[in-house]
Amino acid sequence: MNQLLALLDELDNLDLSRHPVNEIQQILDQIDFSEMVQFEMPIDTIIYRARPNEPKSFSMKSELSYKPQKYNTTYQRCSTPKNTMFYGSPVSPTSGLPASEDIYPVLTGLFESSITYRKNKLISEEKITIGRWKTTQPIKLICIYLPSSIKLYPNYFNHNEVCNIIRSKTPSDKTLVINEFFGQKFYHSNIRHDYDYMISAKLSEHLINLGFEGVLYPSTKIQGENLNVCLTENCVNNKLKLIQAAESIIMKYGYQNDIVHQSFAKIIDDTIPFNFNELKNKSELDQVWSDLQEMDQFS
């Protein structure tokens, strides 16, 4: 245990502005991750991923998927400049709700991706596209979590299968220490430079090199109440299918929010372009704005 604590302390005290990539890797190589919680995401799991819109509508799966490697030049929570990753929020198969009614993963995607919520705008109107993906094969994942939070919050993660796996095990003290340390790195929200993501990104890369296809970790934006998943480019290309997409407007006035769905695409073949169809019962934006402003006066 003393050796592990010394390694984590060394890792925690690195000056990340120096980009000490080799030093991080050398420390990770000395840590035993074999007792970490593993989870096989089953076939037909739904994953939501949101993307802020460009001037024109998206029409290809690639536009709603991972960032192309040629544009992947910085560190992100699970991505290094050498390895792009797909980010999304999975639906728990036993959440008790149909996938279409389980709002936590959709909200997680919106909070993680939209400029409105990422920059905490007070007043905003933003167009965003939400992709609905389905797994076509099982996916081998490793889970990073905060042991301190799993004890405090019964509904931590909002994902029954993962919570049951975690609670069914009696992890060693070393495993608890590893999860708490790296869980804090994934949960880290005070990001000023891309290198602030370096430890979580390098750990993800390390775990992928150990044979996993992705990492499950707590969403920072909604205080760990739901999971995010990052998946490799190869996994997405071979084990995910885009089945639906929706164009929506995020409307925020003060502390009042609404999401107005504008158009919808049902995708049969995700290898060809798709088109959006305008929803017949979509709300009038002027009326939504009026309602939000009225509600904000009483909040």
Protein backbone atom coordinates (compact mmCIF):
# COMPACT_ATOMS: atom_id res chain seq x y z
CA MET A 1 0.00 0.00 0.00
CA ASN A 2 2.81 2.42 0.84
CA GLN A 3 4.28 2.01 -2.64
CA LEU A 4 0.88 2.68 -4.24
CA LEU A 5 0.34 5.80 -2.14
CA ALA A 6 3.80 7.05 -3.08
CA LEU A 7 3.07 6.52 -6.78
CA LEU A 8 -0.26 8.34 -6.58
CA ASP A 9 1.33 11.17 -4.64
CA GLU A 10 4.04 11.46 -7.29
CA LEU A 11 1.41 11.48 -10.01
CA ASP A 12 -0.67 14.10 -8.19
CA ASN A 13 2.30 16.43 -7.82
CA LEU A 14 3.44 16.43 -11.42
CA ASP A 15 3.52 19.80 -13.15
CA LEU A 16 1.12 19.02 -16.00
CA SER A 17 1.99 22.23 -17.81
CA ARG A 18 5.30 20.52 -18.69
CA HIS A 19 3.30 17.76 -20.48
CA PRO A 20 5.08 14.96 -18.54
CA VAL A 21 3.56 12.23 -20.72
CA ASN A 22 6.37 9.72 -20.23
CA GLU A 23 6.42 10.21 -16.46
CA ILE A 24 2.67 9.62 -16.23
CA GLN A 25 2.97 6.45 -18.30
CA GLN A 26 5.83 5.13 -16.17
CA ILE A 27 3.72 5.57 -13.02
CA LEU A 28 0.64 3.95 -14.58
CA ASP A 29 2.76 0.97 -15.64
CA GLN A 30 3.54 0.32 -11.96
CA ILE A 31 -0.10 0.29 -10.76
CA ASP A 32 -2.19 -2.89 -10.73
CA PHE A 33 -5.62 -2.20 -12.26
CA SER A 34 -6.70 -5.87 -12.39
CA GLU A 35 -9.28 -5.54 -9.59
CA MET A 36 -11.07 -2.57 -11.15
CA VAL A 37 -14.80 -2.98 -11.82
CA GLN A 38 -15.41 -4.42 -15.27
CA PHE A 39 -18.72 -4.22 -17.10
CA GLU A 40 -19.87 -5.76 -20.36
CA MET A 41 -22.34 -3.41 -21.97
CA PRO A 42 -24.97 -5.66 -23.56
CA ILE A 43 -26.36 -5.67 -27.09
CA ASP A 44 -29.18 -3.17 -27.73
CA THR A 45 -28.01 -0.70 -25.10
CA ILE A 46 -29.06 2.84 -26.03
CA ILE A 47 -26.44 5.61 -25.88
CA TYR A 48 -27.20 9.30 -26.36
CA ARG A 49 -24.71 11.79 -27.73
CA ALA A 50 -25.46 15.48 -28.36
CA ARG A 51 -23.69 17.97 -30.63
CA PRO A 52 -24.18 21.73 -31.02
CA ASN A 53 -25.48 22.46 -34.49
CA GLU A 54 -23.59 24.00 -37.35
CA PRO A 55 -25.37 26.43 -39.73
CA LYS A 56 -26.86 23.55 -41.67
CA SER A 57 -28.40 20.31 -40.45
CA PHE A 58 -26.24 17.24 -39.95
CA SER A 59 -26.88 14.48 -42.47
CA MET A 60 -24.16 11.86 -41.87
CA LYS A 61 -23.40 9.50 -38.99
CA SER A 62 -19.81 10.73 -38.91
CA GLU A 63 -21.00 14.25 -38.06
CA LEU A 64 -22.65 12.98 -34.85
CA SER A 65 -19.86 10.58 -33.91
CA TYR A 66 -16.33 11.03 -32.52
CA LYS A 67 -14.09 13.91 -33.53
CA PRO A 68 -12.04 12.95 -36.61
CA GLN A 69 -8.48 12.13 -35.59
CA LYS A 70 -7.02 14.93 -37.73
CA TYR A 71 -8.90 17.48 -35.59
CA ASN A 72 -8.13 15.69 -32.32
CA THR A 73 -5.16 17.76 -31.22
CA THR A 74 -5.78 18.37 -27.50
CA TYR A 75 -6.37 16.40 -24.30
CA GLN A 76 -9.96 15.78 -23.23
CA ARG A 77 -11.33 13.80 -20.32
CA CYS A 78 -10.62 10.46 -22.02
CA SER A 79 -8.86 11.51 -25.21
CA THR A 80 -5.20 12.09 -25.92
CA PRO A 81 -3.98 13.81 -29.09
CA LYS A 82 -3.08 10.34 -30.39
CA ASN A 83 -6.46 8.72 -29.70
CA THR A 84 -9.85 10.26 -30.43
CA MET A 85 -12.81 8.93 -28.42
CA PHE A 86 -16.61 8.83 -28.71
CA TYR A 87 -18.42 10.35 -25.72
CA GLY A 88 -22.00 9.50 -24.82
CA SER A 89 -24.41 8.69 -22.02
CA PRO A 90 -25.85 5.14 -21.81
CA VAL A 91 -29.33 4.11 -20.72
CA SER A 92 -29.56 1.53 -17.95
CA PRO A 93 -31.48 -1.50 -19.32
CA THR A 94 -33.21 -1.91 -15.92
CA SER A 95 -33.91 1.73 -15.10
CA GLY A 96 -37.61 0.85 -14.97
CA LEU A 97 -38.42 3.19 -17.84
CA PRO A 98 -38.58 2.74 -21.61
CA ALA A 99 -35.41 4.10 -23.23
CA SER A 100 -37.48 6.89 -24.81
CA GLU A 101 -38.61 8.09 -21.35
CA ASP A 102 -35.35 7.79 -19.41
CA ILE A 103 -34.39 11.46 -19.43
CA TYR A 104 -31.17 11.24 -17.38
CA PRO A 105 -28.94 10.12 -20.30
CA VAL A 106 -30.44 12.76 -22.62
CA LEU A 107 -29.95 15.49 -20.02
CA THR A 108 -26.41 14.29 -19.38
CA GLY A 109 -25.62 14.58 -23.08
CA LEU A 110 -27.08 18.09 -23.23
CA PHE A 111 -25.27 19.30 -20.12
CA GLU A 112 -21.96 17.83 -21.29
CA SER A 113 -22.15 19.09 -24.89
CA SER A 114 -24.19 22.29 -25.18
CA ILE A 115 -22.53 25.70 -25.04
CA THR A 116 -25.51 26.91 -22.99
CA TYR A 117 -24.71 24.64 -20.05
CA ARG A 118 -20.96 24.31 -20.47
CA LYS A 119 -20.61 28.10 -20.19
CA ASN A 120 -23.49 28.48 -17.71
CA LYS A 121 -25.23 31.10 -19.84
CA LEU A 122 -28.04 32.97 -18.11
CA ILE A 123 -30.07 33.58 -21.26
CA SER A 124 -29.59 31.38 -24.29
CA GLU A 125 -31.23 29.90 -27.34
CA GLU A 126 -29.12 27.12 -28.86
CA LYS A 127 -29.81 24.56 -31.55
CA ILE A 128 -28.46 21.11 -30.79
CA THR A 129 -28.74 17.66 -32.38
CA ILE A 130 -29.20 14.58 -30.21
CA GLY A 131 -28.13 11.24 -31.70
CA ARG A 132 -29.58 7.97 -30.41
CA TRP A 133 -27.19 5.04 -30.83
CA LYS A 134 -27.61 1.31 -30.20
CA THR A 135 -24.96 -1.30 -29.47
CA THR A 136 -24.88 -4.22 -31.92
CA GLN A 137 -22.35 -6.30 -29.98
CA PRO A 138 -21.28 -6.51 -26.31
CA ILE A 139 -18.66 -3.91 -25.33
CA LYS A 140 -15.93 -4.56 -22.76
CA LEU A 141 -15.65 -1.60 -20.38
CA ILE A 142 -13.88 -0.67 -17.18
CA CYS A 143 -15.59 1.55 -14.62
CA ILE A 144 -14.07 4.47 -12.74
CA TYR A 145 -16.10 5.63 -9.74
CA LEU A 146 -15.82 7.45 -6.42
CA PRO A 147 -16.15 4.98 -3.50
CA SER A 148 -16.96 7.89 -1.19
CA SER A 149 -19.97 8.83 -3.33
CA ILE A 150 -21.27 5.30 -3.86
CA LYS A 151 -21.69 5.05 -0.07
CA LEU A 152 -23.49 8.38 0.26
CA TYR A 153 -25.87 8.26 -2.69
CA PRO A 154 -28.09 5.19 -3.27
CA ASN A 155 -28.90 6.32 -6.83
CA TYR A 156 -25.33 7.21 -7.75
CA PHE A 157 -24.82 6.71 -11.50
CA ASN A 158 -28.55 6.04 -12.12
CA HIS A 159 -27.34 2.74 -13.60
CA ASN A 160 -28.56 -0.35 -11.74
CA GLU A 161 -26.26 -2.90 -13.35
CA VAL A 162 -23.05 -1.02 -12.61
CA CYS A 163 -24.15 -0.14 -9.08
CA ASN A 164 -25.05 -3.77 -8.38
CA ILE A 165 -21.64 -4.95 -9.59
CA ILE A 166 -19.88 -2.37 -7.43
CA ARG A 167 -21.93 -3.14 -4.31
CA SER A 168 -21.63 -6.91 -4.76
CA LYS A 169 -17.86 -6.80 -4.49
CA THR A 170 -15.64 -6.33 -1.45
CA PRO A 171 -12.78 -4.41 -3.01
CA SER A 172 -9.34 -4.39 -1.46
CA ASP A 173 -8.09 -1.23 0.21
CA LYS A 174 -5.74 -0.72 -2.74
CA THR A 175 -8.61 -0.86 -5.23
CA LEU A 176 -10.63 1.65 -3.19
CA VAL A 177 -7.65 4.01 -3.10
CA ILE A 178 -7.09 3.66 -6.86
CA ASN A 179 -10.75 4.34 -7.64
CA GLU A 180 -10.99 7.32 -5.30
CA PHE A 181 -7.84 8.91 -6.72
CA PHE A 182 -8.64 8.42 -10.41
CA GLY A 183 -12.37 8.99 -9.81
CA GLN A 184 -11.48 12.48 -8.63
CA LYS A 185 -9.42 13.02 -11.79
CA PHE A 186 -12.37 12.05 -14.01
CA TYR A 187 -14.73 14.14 -11.86
CA HIS A 188 -12.40 17.16 -11.94
CA SER A 189 -14.31 20.26 -13.07
CA ASN A 190 -11.78 23.06 -12.60
CA ILE A 191 -10.40 22.82 -16.13
CA ARG A 192 -8.38 25.80 -17.36
CA HIS A 193 -6.08 24.14 -19.91
CA ASP A 194 -6.34 20.96 -21.91
CA TYR A 195 -3.41 19.48 -19.98
CA ASP A 196 -5.62 19.50 -16.86
CA TYR A 197 -7.23 16.43 -18.46
CA MET A 198 -3.89 14.70 -18.97
CA ILE A 199 -4.05 12.17 -16.13
CA SER A 200 -7.58 10.92 -16.87
CA ALA A 201 -6.83 10.89 -20.61
CA LYS A 202 -3.59 8.94 -20.18
CA LEU A 203 -5.30 6.48 -17.83
CA SER A 204 -8.03 5.89 -20.44
CA GLU A 205 -5.38 5.28 -23.09
CA HIS A 206 -3.56 2.91 -20.70
CA LEU A 207 -6.75 0.92 -20.00
CA ILE A 208 -7.55 0.71 -23.72
CA ASN A 209 -4.07 -0.71 -24.29
CA LEU A 210 -4.88 -3.35 -21.64
CA GLY A 211 -7.72 -4.61 -23.84
CA PHE A 212 -10.78 -2.57 -22.86
CA GLU A 213 -12.94 -0.83 -25.44
CA GLY A 214 -13.95 2.11 -23.30
CA VAL A 215 -14.38 3.62 -19.86
CA LEU A 216 -17.48 4.35 -17.78
CA TYR A 217 -17.14 7.33 -15.45
CA PRO A 218 -19.37 9.76 -13.47
CA SER A 219 -20.72 12.85 -15.21
CA THR A 220 -19.27 16.02 -13.74
CA LYS A 221 -22.05 18.21 -15.12
CA ILE A 222 -24.82 16.46 -13.16
CA GLN A 223 -22.85 15.68 -10.00
CA GLY A 224 -22.36 11.99 -10.67
CA GLU A 225 -26.08 11.21 -11.01
CA ASN A 226 -25.48 9.56 -14.35
CA LEU A 227 -22.71 7.85 -16.27
CA ASN A 228 -20.74 8.91 -19.28
CA VAL A 229 -19.03 6.41 -21.50
CA CYS A 230 -16.05 6.95 -23.78
CA LEU A 231 -15.48 4.43 -26.56
CA THR A 232 -12.67 3.83 -29.01
CA GLU A 233 -12.95 4.70 -32.68
CA ASN A 234 -12.74 1.00 -33.61
CA CYS A 235 -15.52 0.09 -31.17
CA VAL A 236 -17.88 2.75 -32.55
CA ASN A 237 -17.18 1.75 -36.15
CA ASN A 238 -17.92 -1.92 -35.47
CA LYS A 239 -20.31 -2.11 -32.52
CA LEU A 240 -22.55 0.98 -32.63
CA LYS A 241 -25.36 1.94 -34.96
CA LEU A 242 -27.00 5.36 -35.22
CA ILE A 243 -30.76 4.73 -35.23
CA GLN A 244 -32.36 8.15 -34.62
CA ALA A 245 -31.54 11.84 -34.41
CA ALA A 246 -33.49 14.89 -33.22
CA GLU A 247 -32.89 18.58 -33.82
CA SER A 248 -33.86 20.58 -30.75
CA ILE A 249 -33.69 24.09 -29.35
CA ILE A 250 -32.38 24.61 -25.81
CA MET A 251 -34.08 27.67 -24.37
CA LYS A 252 -32.85 29.11 -21.08
CA TYR A 253 -34.01 32.22 -19.29
CA GLY A 254 -32.53 32.67 -15.83
CA TYR A 255 -33.18 29.48 -13.92
CA GLN A 256 -35.93 28.29 -16.27
CA ASN A 257 -35.16 25.82 -19.08
CA ASP A 258 -36.99 24.08 -21.85
CA ILE A 259 -36.03 21.81 -24.72
CA VAL A 260 -38.13 22.22 -27.84
CA HIS A 261 -37.88 19.39 -30.34
CA GLN A 262 -38.04 20.70 -33.90
CA SER A 263 -37.37 17.82 -36.28
CA PHE A 264 -36.65 14.12 -36.24
CA ALA A 265 -34.84 11.54 -38.36
CA LYS A 266 -35.39 7.80 -38.23
CA ILE A 267 -32.28 6.13 -39.60
CA ILE A 268 -32.55 2.69 -41.18
CA ASP A 269 -29.13 2.59 -42.86
CA ASP A 270 -26.53 4.73 -41.08
CA THR A 271 -24.00 4.34 -43.88
CA ILE A 272 -25.91 6.78 -46.13
CA PRO A 273 -27.11 10.39 -45.65
CA PHE A 274 -30.33 10.95 -43.71
CA ASN A 275 -32.90 13.77 -43.67
CA PHE A 276 -34.84 15.40 -40.86
CA ASN A 277 -38.62 15.70 -40.93
CA GLU A 278 -40.20 18.65 -39.15
CA LEU A 279 -42.42 17.67 -36.23
CA LYS A 280 -46.06 18.59 -36.74
CA ASN A 281 -46.71 19.36 -33.09
CA LYS A 282 -43.57 21.38 -32.37
CA SER A 283 -43.97 24.29 -29.96
CA GLU A 284 -43.93 27.89 -31.09
CA LEU A 285 -40.64 29.38 -29.88
CA ASP A 286 -42.15 32.80 -29.07
CA GLN A 287 -44.67 31.20 -26.72
CA VAL A 288 -41.97 29.10 -25.04
CA TRP A 289 -39.86 32.22 -24.43
CA SER A 290 -42.86 34.00 -22.95
CA ASP A 291 -43.61 31.10 -20.62
CA LEU A 292 -39.98 30.83 -19.46
CA GLN A 293 -39.74 34.54 -18.65
CA GLU A 294 -42.98 34.41 -16.71
CA MET A 295 -41.83 31.38 -14.70
CA ASP A 296 -38.45 32.99 -13.98
CA GLN A 297 -40.15 35.95 -12.28
CA PHE A 298 -41.52 33.61 -9.61
CA SER A 299 -38.43 31.40 -9.14
